[in-house]
Amino acid sequence: IYYLYEKMKTEVLRPLYQSIVFWISVGLFIYFSGNFFYLIFIQSTTDKNVMNQLKIIYGIIAICKDILLSLALLANETISNDTEDLYIPEELHLDSFNPKSTLS
């Protein structure tokens, strides 16, 4: 959840859904959150009808996870060469920088 929060705050150059990592994290988030309730309820019941319904829900969650992970393979992540926008002057000497002291 924290990864998705940070990506939504900082991603501005391209849409978030074009990132491969986005689809992987969403798929795993849905899978783990769905399995959390499945594991809680499967331990507390002995009714066969409830167990069958929980297995159906687990199957649906697993299929959604697989679809989202396959969307990660189809994501079109473009790599941009932003070196032209960054200009660092050659005469920049940071090692010899001595600010004037105004305290004297």
Protein backbone atom coordinates (compact mmCIF):
# COMPACT_ATOMS: atom_id res chain seq x y z
CA ILE A 1 0.00 0.00 0.00
CA TYR A 2 2.84 2.38 0.86
CA TYR A 3 4.52 1.75 -2.49
CA LEU A 4 1.32 2.63 -4.37
CA TYR A 5 0.86 5.73 -2.22
CA GLU A 6 4.38 6.96 -2.97
CA LYS A 7 4.05 6.21 -6.69
CA MET A 8 0.80 8.17 -6.88
CA LYS A 9 2.41 11.13 -5.15
CA THR A 10 5.57 11.27 -7.26
CA GLU A 11 4.68 9.92 -10.71
CA VAL A 12 4.06 12.83 -13.06
CA LEU A 13 5.89 12.07 -16.30
CA ARG A 14 3.77 9.17 -17.50
CA PRO A 15 0.53 7.46 -16.46
CA LEU A 16 0.86 5.10 -13.53
CA TYR A 17 -0.89 2.24 -15.31
CA GLN A 18 1.96 2.03 -17.85
CA SER A 19 4.36 0.83 -15.16
CA ILE A 20 5.02 -2.89 -14.82
CA VAL A 21 5.60 -2.66 -11.09
CA PHE A 22 2.19 -1.00 -10.62
CA TRP A 23 0.32 -3.98 -12.06
CA ILE A 24 2.38 -6.46 -10.06
CA SER A 25 1.79 -4.61 -6.79
CA VAL A 26 -1.97 -4.22 -7.44
CA GLY A 27 -2.30 -7.91 -8.30
CA LEU A 28 -0.45 -9.02 -5.19
CA PHE A 29 -2.39 -6.56 -3.03
CA ILE A 30 -5.73 -7.96 -4.21
CA TYR A 31 -4.51 -11.54 -3.80
CA PHE A 32 -3.19 -11.09 -0.26
CA SER A 33 -6.15 -9.05 0.93
CA GLY A 34 -8.59 -11.61 -0.48
CA ASN A 35 -6.71 -14.55 1.00
CA PHE A 36 -6.64 -12.90 4.41
CA PHE A 37 -10.39 -13.29 4.87
CA TYR A 38 -10.39 -16.69 3.18
CA LEU A 39 -7.88 -18.06 5.69
CA ILE A 40 -9.78 -16.56 8.64
CA PHE A 41 -13.15 -17.99 7.62
CA ILE A 42 -11.94 -21.41 6.42
CA GLN A 43 -10.58 -22.17 9.92
CA SER A 44 -13.79 -21.18 11.69
CA THR A 45 -16.33 -23.20 9.73
CA THR A 46 -17.11 -26.86 9.21
CA ASP A 47 -20.16 -26.34 6.99
CA LYS A 48 -19.59 -27.78 3.49
CA ASN A 49 -21.70 -25.11 1.75
CA VAL A 50 -19.70 -22.29 3.31
CA MET A 51 -16.44 -24.03 2.45
CA ASN A 52 -17.53 -24.41 -1.19
CA GLN A 53 -18.47 -20.73 -1.37
CA LEU A 54 -15.10 -19.77 0.12
CA LYS A 55 -13.33 -21.92 -2.48
CA ILE A 56 -15.26 -20.12 -5.23
CA ILE A 57 -14.25 -16.74 -3.80
CA TYR A 58 -10.62 -17.92 -3.58
CA GLY A 59 -10.76 -19.01 -7.23
CA ILE A 60 -12.12 -15.63 -8.32
CA ILE A 61 -9.40 -13.81 -6.38
CA ALA A 62 -6.70 -16.04 -7.87
CA ILE A 63 -8.04 -15.41 -11.39
CA CYS A 64 -8.06 -11.63 -10.79
CA LYS A 65 -4.46 -11.83 -9.55
CA ASP A 66 -3.43 -13.80 -12.64
CA ILE A 67 -5.13 -11.31 -14.95
CA LEU A 68 -3.42 -8.36 -13.28
CA LEU A 69 -0.03 -10.08 -13.40
CA SER A 70 -0.54 -10.81 -17.09
CA LEU A 71 -1.36 -7.12 -17.63
CA ALA A 72 2.08 -6.40 -16.19
CA LEU A 73 3.55 -8.29 -19.15
CA LEU A 74 1.56 -6.13 -21.56
CA ALA A 75 2.44 -2.81 -19.91
CA ASN A 76 4.30 -0.50 -22.24
CA GLU A 77 7.02 1.09 -20.15
CA THR A 78 8.93 3.70 -22.11
CA ILE A 79 12.46 4.60 -21.14
CA SER A 80 13.14 8.26 -21.71
CA ASN A 81 16.54 9.81 -22.24
CA ASP A 82 16.33 12.98 -20.19
CA THR A 83 20.06 13.71 -20.36
CA GLU A 84 19.46 16.63 -22.74
CA ASP A 85 17.42 18.51 -20.13
CA LEU A 86 20.09 18.23 -17.45
CA TYR A 87 22.86 20.78 -17.84
CA ILE A 88 25.87 20.68 -15.56
CA PRO A 89 28.51 23.30 -16.37
CA GLU A 90 32.03 22.00 -16.87
CA GLU A 91 33.68 24.84 -14.90
CA LEU A 92 31.84 23.91 -11.71
CA HIS A 93 34.44 23.20 -9.00
CA LEU A 94 32.61 22.13 -5.86
CA ASP A 95 35.76 20.92 -4.09
CA SER A 96 37.30 24.36 -4.06
CA PHE A 97 34.20 26.24 -2.89
CA ASN A 98 35.02 28.52 0.05
CA PRO A 99 32.20 30.83 1.13
CA LYS A 100 33.12 34.20 2.56
CA SER A 101 32.78 34.40 6.29
CA THR A 102 30.49 37.21 7.40
CA LEU A 103 31.08 36.62 11.13
CA SER A 104 34.38 38.54 11.38
